[in-house]
Amino acid sequence: MPDGVSIPPAPHEDDRQRCRALGAVLDRIGDKWVVMVVGALSNGPMRFNAIKRMIGGVSQRMLTLTLRGMERDGLVTRTQFPTIPPRVDYELTPLGQSLLGPLLTLSEWATANLATIEASRALHDQADTEAA
């Protein structure tokens, strides 16, 4: 080995566990429905059907699973009111609200780079078609 060059140590089990845990968190917050729910709830509490209407295209089952997962992760709270019929509101927790800034930054990046990405995709797809 040349001087000053070293082989990095093999990852420890703690590092692997941390990567798996981080991956699970990134899977949650990177999920398109989670991103849309965070956006929908960014202006305050909403009822289930209002969230569903605002997002559009999400099935009742998928929205239920998304909200349950977000509640489990501490991103939303679910408040049930003792009315007839029962009323349930969903609201971002402080942790969920802390996602607004990073998601806005990602949205701005995606908007700024959309044309470049679409052009790259078109060139790539054209090259694939010509090679076939």
N, C-alpha and C. Protein backbone atom coordinates (compact mmCIF):
# COMPACT_ATOMS: atom_id res chain seq x y z
N MET A 1 0.84 -1.19 0.00
CA MET A 1 0.00 0.00 0.00
C MET A 1 0.88 1.24 0.00
N PRO A 2 0.56 2.21 -0.83
CA PRO A 2 1.30 3.47 -0.79
C PRO A 2 1.07 4.17 0.54
N ASP A 3 2.06 4.99 0.91
CA ASP A 3 1.93 5.75 2.16
C ASP A 3 0.69 6.62 2.13
N GLY A 4 0.00 6.68 3.27
CA GLY A 4 -1.17 7.55 3.39
C GLY A 4 -2.46 6.93 2.89
N VAL A 5 -2.39 5.74 2.28
CA VAL A 5 -3.58 5.07 1.78
C VAL A 5 -3.91 3.92 2.72
N SER A 6 -5.11 3.90 3.17
CA SER A 6 -5.50 2.80 4.07
C SER A 6 -6.80 2.19 3.58
N ILE A 7 -6.98 0.97 3.95
CA ILE A 7 -8.22 0.26 3.62
C ILE A 7 -9.24 0.58 4.71
N PRO A 8 -10.42 1.04 4.31
CA PRO A 8 -11.41 1.34 5.35
C PRO A 8 -11.79 0.07 6.11
N PRO A 9 -12.07 0.23 7.38
CA PRO A 9 -12.44 -0.95 8.17
C PRO A 9 -13.77 -1.53 7.68
N ALA A 10 -13.93 -2.80 7.88
CA ALA A 10 -15.20 -3.44 7.53
C ALA A 10 -16.30 -2.82 8.37
N PRO A 11 -17.47 -2.64 7.76
CA PRO A 11 -18.57 -2.02 8.53
C PRO A 11 -18.92 -2.88 9.75
N HIS A 12 -19.17 -2.23 10.82
CA HIS A 12 -19.59 -2.92 12.03
C HIS A 12 -21.09 -3.16 11.97
N GLU A 13 -21.56 -4.09 12.76
CA GLU A 13 -22.99 -4.40 12.79
C GLU A 13 -23.80 -3.16 13.17
N ASP A 14 -23.25 -2.30 14.06
CA ASP A 14 -23.94 -1.07 14.43
C ASP A 14 -24.19 -0.19 13.21
N ASP A 15 -23.18 -0.12 12.33
CA ASP A 15 -23.33 0.68 11.11
C ASP A 15 -24.41 0.10 10.20
N ARG A 16 -24.43 -1.21 10.08
CA ARG A 16 -25.45 -1.87 9.25
C ARG A 16 -26.85 -1.62 9.80
N GLN A 17 -26.98 -1.74 11.12
CA GLN A 17 -28.29 -1.51 11.74
C GLN A 17 -28.71 -0.06 11.57
N ARG A 18 -27.78 0.86 11.71
CA ARG A 18 -28.09 2.27 11.53
C ARG A 18 -28.51 2.55 10.08
N CYS A 19 -27.83 1.93 9.14
CA CYS A 19 -28.20 2.11 7.72
C CYS A 19 -29.59 1.55 7.44
N ARG A 20 -29.91 0.39 8.01
CA ARG A 20 -31.25 -0.18 7.82
C ARG A 20 -32.31 0.72 8.43
N ALA A 21 -32.02 1.22 9.64
CA ALA A 21 -32.98 2.11 10.30
C ALA A 21 -33.16 3.40 9.49
N LEU A 22 -32.06 3.95 9.01
CA LEU A 22 -32.14 5.17 8.20
C LEU A 22 -32.90 4.90 6.91
N GLY A 23 -32.66 3.73 6.31
CA GLY A 23 -33.37 3.37 5.09
C GLY A 23 -34.87 3.29 5.32
N ALA A 24 -35.28 2.76 6.46
CA ALA A 24 -36.70 2.66 6.78
C ALA A 24 -37.32 4.05 6.92
N VAL A 25 -36.59 4.96 7.56
CA VAL A 25 -37.10 6.33 7.71
C VAL A 25 -37.18 7.01 6.35
N LEU A 26 -36.15 6.85 5.53
CA LEU A 26 -36.16 7.48 4.20
C LEU A 26 -37.25 6.88 3.32
N ASP A 27 -37.50 5.58 3.46
CA ASP A 27 -38.61 4.97 2.73
C ASP A 27 -39.93 5.63 3.11
N ARG A 28 -40.11 5.89 4.39
CA ARG A 28 -41.36 6.51 4.85
C ARG A 28 -41.48 7.92 4.30
N ILE A 29 -40.48 8.76 4.56
CA ILE A 29 -40.63 10.17 4.19
C ILE A 29 -40.46 10.41 2.70
N GLY A 30 -39.92 9.42 1.98
CA GLY A 30 -39.79 9.55 0.54
C GLY A 30 -40.98 8.98 -0.23
N ASP A 31 -41.90 8.37 0.47
CA ASP A 31 -43.08 7.80 -0.16
C ASP A 31 -43.96 8.91 -0.73
N LYS A 32 -44.42 8.73 -1.96
CA LYS A 32 -45.18 9.82 -2.60
C LYS A 32 -46.44 10.19 -1.83
N TRP A 33 -47.10 9.19 -1.23
CA TRP A 33 -48.33 9.51 -0.50
C TRP A 33 -48.02 10.26 0.79
N VAL A 34 -46.92 9.91 1.44
CA VAL A 34 -46.52 10.64 2.65
C VAL A 34 -46.23 12.09 2.29
N VAL A 35 -45.50 12.30 1.22
CA VAL A 35 -45.17 13.66 0.78
C VAL A 35 -46.46 14.44 0.52
N MET A 36 -47.42 13.81 -0.13
CA MET A 36 -48.67 14.49 -0.44
C MET A 36 -49.51 14.76 0.81
N VAL A 37 -49.50 13.82 1.76
CA VAL A 37 -50.24 14.04 3.01
C VAL A 37 -49.60 15.18 3.79
N VAL A 38 -48.27 15.21 3.85
CA VAL A 38 -47.61 16.31 4.54
C VAL A 38 -48.01 17.64 3.91
N GLY A 39 -48.02 17.68 2.58
CA GLY A 39 -48.45 18.90 1.90
C GLY A 39 -49.88 19.26 2.20
N ALA A 40 -50.75 18.26 2.20
CA ALA A 40 -52.17 18.52 2.47
C ALA A 40 -52.38 19.04 3.88
N LEU A 41 -51.63 18.50 4.83
CA LEU A 41 -51.81 18.89 6.23
C LEU A 41 -50.97 20.11 6.61
N SER A 42 -50.25 20.67 5.68
CA SER A 42 -49.36 21.79 6.00
C SER A 42 -50.12 23.04 6.44
N ASN A 43 -51.40 23.13 6.09
CA ASN A 43 -52.20 24.29 6.49
C ASN A 43 -53.07 24.04 7.71
N GLY A 44 -52.91 22.88 8.33
CA GLY A 44 -53.68 22.60 9.54
C GLY A 44 -54.40 21.28 9.46
N PRO A 45 -55.14 20.94 10.53
CA PRO A 45 -55.82 19.65 10.62
C PRO A 45 -56.87 19.47 9.52
N MET A 46 -57.03 18.22 9.13
CA MET A 46 -58.03 17.89 8.11
C MET A 46 -58.65 16.54 8.44
N ARG A 47 -59.86 16.36 7.94
CA ARG A 47 -60.53 15.08 8.04
C ARG A 47 -60.06 14.18 6.90
N PHE A 48 -60.26 12.87 7.10
CA PHE A 48 -59.80 11.86 6.15
C PHE A 48 -60.26 12.16 4.73
N ASN A 49 -61.57 12.36 4.55
CA ASN A 49 -62.10 12.56 3.19
C ASN A 49 -61.59 13.85 2.57
N ALA A 50 -61.34 14.87 3.37
CA ALA A 50 -60.79 16.11 2.84
C ALA A 50 -59.36 15.88 2.34
N ILE A 51 -58.58 15.09 3.08
CA ILE A 51 -57.23 14.74 2.64
C ILE A 51 -57.31 13.97 1.33
N LYS A 52 -58.20 12.99 1.29
CA LYS A 52 -58.36 12.14 0.10
C LYS A 52 -58.73 12.98 -1.12
N ARG A 53 -59.66 13.92 -0.95
CA ARG A 53 -60.06 14.78 -2.07
C ARG A 53 -58.90 15.68 -2.51
N MET A 54 -58.18 16.23 -1.54
CA MET A 54 -57.10 17.14 -1.88
C MET A 54 -55.97 16.44 -2.64
N ILE A 55 -55.65 15.23 -2.20
CA ILE A 55 -54.56 14.49 -2.84
C ILE A 55 -55.00 13.97 -4.21
N GLY A 56 -56.15 13.36 -4.26
CA GLY A 56 -56.63 12.80 -5.52
C GLY A 56 -55.80 11.59 -5.94
N GLY A 57 -56.47 10.58 -6.45
CA GLY A 57 -55.78 9.41 -6.98
C GLY A 57 -55.34 8.38 -5.95
N VAL A 58 -55.52 8.66 -4.68
CA VAL A 58 -55.14 7.71 -3.65
C VAL A 58 -56.38 6.92 -3.23
N SER A 59 -56.20 5.61 -3.09
CA SER A 59 -57.33 4.79 -2.65
C SER A 59 -57.54 4.97 -1.15
N GLN A 60 -58.73 4.62 -0.71
CA GLN A 60 -59.03 4.73 0.72
C GLN A 60 -58.08 3.86 1.52
N ARG A 61 -57.83 2.66 1.04
CA ARG A 61 -56.92 1.73 1.73
C ARG A 61 -55.51 2.30 1.82
N MET A 62 -54.99 2.83 0.72
CA MET A 62 -53.63 3.36 0.72
C MET A 62 -53.51 4.57 1.64
N LEU A 63 -54.52 5.44 1.63
CA LEU A 63 -54.48 6.60 2.51
C LEU A 63 -54.55 6.16 3.98
N THR A 64 -55.38 5.17 4.26
CA THR A 64 -55.47 4.64 5.63
C THR A 64 -54.11 4.09 6.07
N LEU A 65 -53.49 3.28 5.23
CA LEU A 65 -52.17 2.71 5.56
C LEU A 65 -51.12 3.80 5.73
N THR A 66 -51.17 4.80 4.87
CA THR A 66 -50.21 5.90 4.94
C THR A 66 -50.37 6.67 6.24
N LEU A 67 -51.60 7.02 6.58
CA LEU A 67 -51.84 7.77 7.80
C LEU A 67 -51.48 6.95 9.04
N ARG A 68 -51.76 5.66 9.03
CA ARG A 68 -51.39 4.81 10.17
C ARG A 68 -49.88 4.76 10.34
N GLY A 69 -49.18 4.60 9.24
CA GLY A 69 -47.71 4.58 9.29
C GLY A 69 -47.14 5.90 9.77
N MET A 70 -47.72 6.99 9.29
CA MET A 70 -47.26 8.31 9.72
C MET A 70 -47.55 8.54 11.19
N GLU A 71 -48.70 8.04 11.65
CA GLU A 71 -49.03 8.16 13.08
C GLU A 71 -48.05 7.34 13.91
N ARG A 72 -47.75 6.13 13.46
CA ARG A 72 -46.79 5.26 14.17
C ARG A 72 -45.43 5.92 14.27
N ASP A 73 -45.02 6.61 13.21
CA ASP A 73 -43.71 7.26 13.18
C ASP A 73 -43.71 8.62 13.86
N GLY A 74 -44.86 9.05 14.36
CA GLY A 74 -44.92 10.32 15.07
C GLY A 74 -45.00 11.54 14.18
N LEU A 75 -45.42 11.35 12.92
CA LEU A 75 -45.52 12.46 11.98
C LEU A 75 -46.89 13.13 12.00
N VAL A 76 -47.92 12.37 12.34
CA VAL A 76 -49.27 12.93 12.44
C VAL A 76 -49.93 12.45 13.73
N THR A 77 -50.89 13.24 14.16
CA THR A 77 -51.75 12.80 15.26
C THR A 77 -53.14 12.59 14.71
N ARG A 78 -53.84 11.68 15.33
CA ARG A 78 -55.22 11.35 14.96
C ARG A 78 -56.08 11.69 16.17
N THR A 79 -57.01 12.60 15.99
CA THR A 79 -57.88 13.00 17.09
C THR A 79 -59.31 12.62 16.74
N GLN A 80 -59.90 11.79 17.58
CA GLN A 80 -61.28 11.37 17.37
C GLN A 80 -62.18 12.15 18.32
N PHE A 81 -63.23 12.73 17.76
CA PHE A 81 -64.18 13.52 18.54
C PHE A 81 -65.43 12.70 18.80
N PRO A 82 -65.97 12.78 20.01
CA PRO A 82 -67.14 11.96 20.38
C PRO A 82 -68.44 12.56 19.84
N THR A 83 -68.57 12.58 18.56
CA THR A 83 -69.79 13.09 17.92
C THR A 83 -70.45 11.95 17.17
N ILE A 84 -71.67 12.19 16.73
CA ILE A 84 -72.36 11.20 15.90
C ILE A 84 -72.67 11.87 14.57
N PRO A 85 -72.14 11.39 13.47
CA PRO A 85 -71.16 10.31 13.38
C PRO A 85 -69.80 10.77 13.93
N PRO A 86 -68.91 9.80 14.26
CA PRO A 86 -67.61 10.17 14.81
C PRO A 86 -66.82 11.03 13.82
N ARG A 87 -66.14 11.99 14.36
CA ARG A 87 -65.30 12.87 13.54
C ARG A 87 -63.85 12.60 13.92
N VAL A 88 -62.99 12.45 12.91
CA VAL A 88 -61.57 12.21 13.14
C VAL A 88 -60.79 13.24 12.35
N ASP A 89 -59.88 13.92 13.02
CA ASP A 89 -58.99 14.89 12.37
C ASP A 89 -57.57 14.36 12.41
N TYR A 90 -56.83 14.68 11.36
CA TYR A 90 -55.41 14.36 11.29
C TYR A 90 -54.65 15.68 11.25
N GLU A 91 -53.52 15.71 11.95
CA GLU A 91 -52.73 16.93 12.02
C GLU A 91 -51.26 16.57 12.10
N LEU A 92 -50.43 17.39 11.47
CA LEU A 92 -48.99 17.18 11.57
C LEU A 92 -48.52 17.45 12.99
N THR A 93 -47.66 16.61 13.48
CA THR A 93 -47.00 16.84 14.76
C THR A 93 -45.84 17.82 14.50
N PRO A 94 -45.18 18.30 15.54
CA PRO A 94 -43.98 19.12 15.31
C PRO A 94 -42.94 18.38 14.45
N LEU A 95 -42.80 17.07 14.65
CA LEU A 95 -41.88 16.29 13.81
C LEU A 95 -42.34 16.32 12.36
N GLY A 96 -43.63 16.11 12.12
CA GLY A 96 -44.17 16.17 10.76
C GLY A 96 -44.00 17.55 10.14
N GLN A 97 -44.22 18.59 10.94
CA GLN A 97 -44.03 19.96 10.44
C GLN A 97 -42.58 20.23 10.08
N SER A 98 -41.65 19.56 10.77
CA SER A 98 -40.23 19.76 10.47
C SER A 98 -39.85 19.21 9.10
N LEU A 99 -40.72 18.40 8.50
CA LEU A 99 -40.48 17.88 7.14
C LEU A 99 -40.81 18.91 6.06
N LEU A 100 -41.60 19.91 6.40
CA LEU A 100 -42.05 20.88 5.39
C LEU A 100 -40.87 21.56 4.70
N GLY A 101 -39.89 22.01 5.45
CA GLY A 101 -38.73 22.70 4.86
C GLY A 101 -37.96 21.81 3.90
N PRO A 102 -37.52 20.62 4.35
CA PRO A 102 -36.80 19.73 3.43
C PRO A 102 -37.62 19.34 2.19
N LEU A 103 -38.92 19.09 2.37
CA LEU A 103 -39.74 18.73 1.21
C LEU A 103 -39.90 19.90 0.26
N LEU A 104 -40.00 21.12 0.78
CA LEU A 104 -40.07 22.30 -0.07
C LEU A 104 -38.77 22.46 -0.86
N THR A 105 -37.64 22.24 -0.21
CA THR A 105 -36.35 22.32 -0.88
C THR A 105 -36.26 21.29 -2.01
N LEU A 106 -36.69 20.05 -1.74
CA LEU A 106 -36.69 19.02 -2.78
C LEU A 106 -37.62 19.38 -3.93
N SER A 107 -38.77 19.94 -3.60
CA SER A 107 -39.72 20.36 -4.63
C SER A 107 -39.13 21.46 -5.51
N GLU A 108 -38.47 22.41 -4.89
CA GLU A 108 -37.83 23.49 -5.65
C GLU A 108 -36.74 22.95 -6.56
N TRP A 109 -35.94 21.99 -6.03
CA TRP A 109 -34.89 21.38 -6.84
C TRP A 109 -35.51 20.64 -8.03
N ALA A 110 -36.56 19.86 -7.77
CA ALA A 110 -37.20 19.10 -8.84
C ALA A 110 -37.77 20.03 -9.90
N THR A 111 -38.39 21.12 -9.48
CA THR A 111 -38.95 22.09 -10.41
C THR A 111 -37.85 22.74 -11.25
N ALA A 112 -36.76 23.11 -10.61
CA ALA A 112 -35.65 23.77 -11.31
C ALA A 112 -34.97 22.85 -12.30
N ASN A 113 -35.00 21.55 -12.04
CA ASN A 113 -34.26 20.60 -12.88
C ASN A 113 -35.15 19.71 -13.74
N LEU A 114 -36.45 19.94 -13.72
CA LEU A 114 -37.38 19.09 -14.45
C LEU A 114 -37.08 19.04 -15.94
N ALA A 115 -36.88 20.18 -16.57
CA ALA A 115 -36.63 20.21 -18.02
C ALA A 115 -35.35 19.46 -18.37
N THR A 116 -34.31 19.62 -17.58
CA THR A 116 -33.04 18.94 -17.83
C THR A 116 -33.21 17.43 -17.69
N ILE A 117 -33.94 17.01 -16.67
CA ILE A 117 -34.16 15.58 -16.45
C ILE A 117 -35.00 14.99 -17.58
N GLU A 118 -36.04 15.70 -18.00
CA GLU A 118 -36.87 15.20 -19.10
C GLU A 118 -36.07 15.10 -20.39
N ALA A 119 -35.21 16.08 -20.66
CA ALA A 119 -34.37 16.03 -21.86
C ALA A 119 -33.41 14.85 -21.80
N SER A 120 -32.83 14.62 -20.65
CA SER A 120 -31.92 13.48 -20.47
C SER A 120 -32.65 12.16 -20.68
N ARG A 121 -33.85 12.06 -20.15
CA ARG A 121 -34.64 10.84 -20.33
C ARG A 121 -34.93 10.60 -21.81
N ALA A 122 -35.31 11.67 -22.51
CA ALA A 122 -35.62 11.53 -23.93
C ALA A 122 -34.40 11.05 -24.71
N LEU A 123 -33.23 11.61 -24.43
CA LEU A 123 -32.00 11.17 -25.12
C LEU A 123 -31.68 9.73 -24.79
N HIS A 124 -31.82 9.37 -23.55
CA HIS A 124 -31.54 8.00 -23.13
C HIS A 124 -32.49 7.02 -23.79
N ASP A 125 -33.79 7.36 -23.79
CA ASP A 125 -34.80 6.49 -24.39
C ASP A 125 -34.59 6.35 -25.90
N GLN A 126 -34.19 7.46 -26.53
CA GLN A 126 -33.92 7.42 -27.96
C GLN A 126 -32.73 6.51 -28.25
N ALA A 127 -31.68 6.61 -27.46
CA ALA A 127 -30.50 5.76 -27.64
C ALA A 127 -30.86 4.29 -27.43
N ASP A 128 -31.71 4.00 -26.45
CA ASP A 128 -32.16 2.63 -26.22
C ASP A 128 -32.94 2.10 -27.41
N THR A 129 -33.81 2.95 -27.98
CA THR A 129 -34.62 2.55 -29.13
C THR A 129 -33.74 2.26 -30.35
N GLU A 130 -32.75 3.14 -30.56
CA GLU A 130 -31.86 2.96 -31.71
C GLU A 130 -30.98 1.73 -31.56
N ALA A 131 -30.63 1.39 -30.31
CA ALA A 131 -29.76 0.23 -30.07
C ALA A 131 -30.53 -1.09 -30.22
N ALA A 132 -31.84 -1.02 -30.10
CA ALA A 132 -32.65 -2.26 -30.14
C ALA A 132 -32.91 -2.74 -31.52
